[in-house]
C-alpha atoms as a PDB file:
ATOM      1  CA  MET A   1     169.289  16.316  73.545  1.00  0.00           C
ATOM      2  CA  TYR A   2     172.201  16.091  75.942  1.00  0.00           C
ATOM      3  CA  THR A   3     175.347  14.083  75.225  1.00  0.00           C
ATOM      4  CA  PRO A   4     177.535  13.482  78.301  1.00  0.00           C
ATOM      5  CA  SER A   5     181.190  14.439  77.982  1.00  0.00           C
ATOM      6  CA  ASP A   6     183.875  11.748  78.164  1.00  0.00           C
ATOM      7  CA  ASP A   7     184.826  12.974  81.650  1.00  0.00           C
ATOM      8  CA  GLU A   8     181.219  12.731  82.846  1.00  0.00           C
ATOM      9  CA  VAL A   9     180.885   9.234  81.408  1.00  0.00           C
ATOM     10  CA  ARG A  10     184.101   8.062  83.088  1.00  0.00           C
ATOM     11  CA  PHE A  11     183.076   9.563  86.438  1.00  0.00           C
ATOM     12  CA  ILE A  12     179.538   8.161  86.425  1.00  0.00           C
ATOM     13  CA  ALA A  13     180.647   4.741  85.148  1.00  0.00           C
ATOM     14  CA  ALA A  14     183.327   4.473  87.844  1.00  0.00           C
ATOM     15  CA  TYR A  15     180.869   5.562  90.527  1.00  0.00           C
ATOM     16  CA  MET A  16     178.164   3.094  89.461  1.00  0.00           C
ATOM     17  CA  ASN A  17     180.606   0.208  89.062  1.00  0.00           C
ATOM     18  CA  GLU A  18     182.332   0.802  92.406  1.00  0.00           C
ATOM     19  CA  ALA A  19     179.514   2.058  94.642  1.00  0.00           C
ATOM     20  CA  HIS A  20     176.432   0.425  93.106  1.00  0.00           C
ATOM     21  CA  PRO A  21     177.289  -2.784  91.229  1.00  0.00           C
ATOM     22  CA  GLU A  22     174.021  -4.323  92.437  1.00  0.00           C
ATOM     23  CA  VAL A  23     172.065  -1.562  90.676  1.00  0.00           C
ATOM     24  CA  VAL A  24     173.954  -2.200  87.431  1.00  0.00           C
ATOM     25  CA  ARG A  25     173.138  -5.918  87.781  1.00  0.00           C
ATOM     26  CA  GLU A  26     169.431  -5.228  88.466  1.00  0.00           C
ATOM     27  CA  ILE A  27     169.163  -2.997  85.401  1.00  0.00           C
ATOM     28  CA  ALA A  28     170.909  -5.597  83.232  1.00  0.00           C
ATOM     29  CA  ASP A  29     168.735  -8.425  84.571  1.00  0.00           C
ATOM     30  CA  ALA A  30     165.567  -6.422  83.896  1.00  0.00           C
ATOM     31  CA  HIS A  31     166.662  -6.041  80.262  1.00  0.00           C
ATOM     32  CA  GLY A  32     167.386  -9.747  79.818  1.00  0.00           C
ATOM     33  CA  ILE A  33     171.160  -9.345  79.882  1.00  0.00           C
ATOM     34  CA  GLU A  34     172.779 -12.422  81.381  1.00  0.00           C
ATOM     35  CA  ALA A  35     176.474 -12.289  82.168  1.00  0.00           C
ATOM     36  CA  GLY A  36     179.047 -13.103  84.786  1.00  0.00           C
ATOM     37  CA  ALA A  37     180.469  -9.613  85.126  1.00  0.00           C
ATOM     38  CA  ILE A  38     178.639  -6.447  84.145  1.00  0.00           C
ATOM     39  CA  GLU A  39     179.918  -2.880  84.195  1.00  0.00           C
ATOM     40  CA  VAL A  40     178.788   0.485  82.932  1.00  0.00           C
ATOM     41  CA  CYS A  41     181.265   1.401  80.203  1.00  0.00           C
ATOM     42  CA  GLY A  42     179.602   4.330  78.518  1.00  0.00           C
ATOM     43  CA  MET A  43     176.469   6.231  77.665  1.00  0.00           C
ATOM     44  CA  THR A  44     174.963   8.229  74.878  1.00  0.00           C
ATOM     45  CA  ASP A  45     172.014  10.571  74.818  1.00  0.00           C
ATOM     46  CA  THR A  46     169.741   7.539  74.237  1.00  0.00           C
ATOM     47  CA  GLU A  47     171.493   4.541  75.849  1.00  0.00           C
ATOM     48  CA  LEU A  48     173.366   3.293  78.874  1.00  0.00           C
ATOM     49  CA  LEU A  49     176.174   1.036  77.615  1.00  0.00           C
ATOM     50  CA  LEU A  50     177.108  -2.087  79.563  1.00  0.00           C
ATOM     51  CA  GLN A  51     180.216  -4.215  79.102  1.00  0.00           C
ATOM     52  CA  VAL A  52     179.342  -7.837  79.881  1.00  0.00           C
ATOM     53  CA  GLN A  53     181.469 -10.931  80.314  1.00  0.00           C
ATOM     54  CA  THR A  54     179.980 -14.215  79.160  1.00  0.00           C
ATOM     55  CA  GLU A  55     181.378 -17.670  78.505  1.00  0.00           C
ATOM     56  CA  ASP A  56     181.884 -16.561  74.892  1.00  0.00           C
ATOM     57  CA  GLY A  57     183.865 -13.457  75.821  1.00  0.00           C
ATOM     58  CA  SER A  58     183.163  -9.782  76.253  1.00  0.00           C
ATOM     59  CA  ALA A  59     180.331  -7.859  74.608  1.00  0.00           C
ATOM     60  CA  LEU A  60     178.784  -4.408  74.625  1.00  0.00           C
ATOM     61  CA  ARG A  61     175.069  -4.307  75.467  1.00  0.00           C
ATOM     62  CA  PRO A  62     173.043  -1.101  75.116  1.00  0.00           C
ATOM     63  CA  VAL A  63     170.134  -0.386  77.470  1.00  0.00           C
ATOM     64  CA  PRO A  64     167.815   2.420  76.387  1.00  0.00           C
ATOM     65  CA  TRP A  65     167.242   5.347  78.712  1.00  0.00           C
ATOM     66  CA  PRO A  66     163.555   5.881  79.587  1.00  0.00           C
ATOM     67  CA  ALA A  67     163.734   8.942  77.298  1.00  0.00           C
ATOM     68  CA  PRO A  68     166.538  10.792  75.541  1.00  0.00           C
ATOM     69  CA  LEU A  69     168.785  12.759  77.888  1.00  0.00           C
ATOM     70  CA  ARG A  70     167.947  16.457  77.854  1.00  0.00           C
ATOM     71  CA  ARG A  71     170.265  17.609  80.649  1.00  0.00           C
ATOM     72  CA  ARG A  72     172.995  16.180  82.889  1.00  0.00           C
ATOM     73  CA  GLU A  73     170.593  15.700  85.796  1.00  0.00           C
ATOM     74  CA  ASP A  74     168.569  13.227  83.716  1.00  0.00           C
ATOM     75  CA  ILE A  75     171.350  10.656  84.099  1.00  0.00           C
ATOM     76  CA  ARG A  76     170.856  10.301  87.858  1.00  0.00           C
ATOM     77  CA  LEU A  77     167.073  10.494  87.569  1.00  0.00           C
ATOM     78  CA  PHE A  78     166.968   7.861  84.836  1.00  0.00           C
ATOM     79  CA  LEU A  79     169.353   5.523  86.685  1.00  0.00           C
ATOM     80  CA  GLU A  80     167.085   5.738  89.742  1.00  0.00           C
ATOM     81  CA  GLU A  81     163.994   5.167  87.578  1.00  0.00           C
ATOM     82  CA  MET A  82     165.612   2.198  85.827  1.00  0.00           C
ATOM     83  CA  GLN A  83     166.604   0.676  89.174  1.00  0.00           C
ATOM     84  CA  GLU A  84     163.099   1.089  90.551  1.00  0.00           C
ATOM     85  CA  ASP A  85     161.564  -0.403  87.406  1.00  0.00           C
ATOM     86  CA  ALA A  86     164.022  -3.313  87.594  1.00  0.00           C
ATOM     87  CA  ARG A  87     163.128  -4.056  91.218  1.00  0.00           C
ATOM     88  CA  PHE A  88     159.403  -4.091  90.452  1.00  0.00           C
ATOM     89  CA  LYS A  89     159.922  -6.362  87.442  1.00  0.00           C
ATOM     90  CA  SER A  90     162.054  -8.858  89.380  1.00  0.00           C
ATOM     91  CA  PRO A  91     160.265 -12.011  90.578  1.00  0.00           C
END
């Protein structure tokens, strides 16, 4: 399995939150996560971690990767796969 470094996590989270917030929202929606604000805040070898803001405050919500990460390149591939799956699942 592959565990992203802290620097990789910060870079990818910042990129997704700034350049592709709609993708983050689509992935969250597809996993039943309802919130006002949603951001990528971390990742492990098995989960994408989202920080969500709700009326009750802030919470961390894990979203499983399609499979455990085996290499750095899986992150981009899985994010694309999760976005595509989310778009097909949306009404």
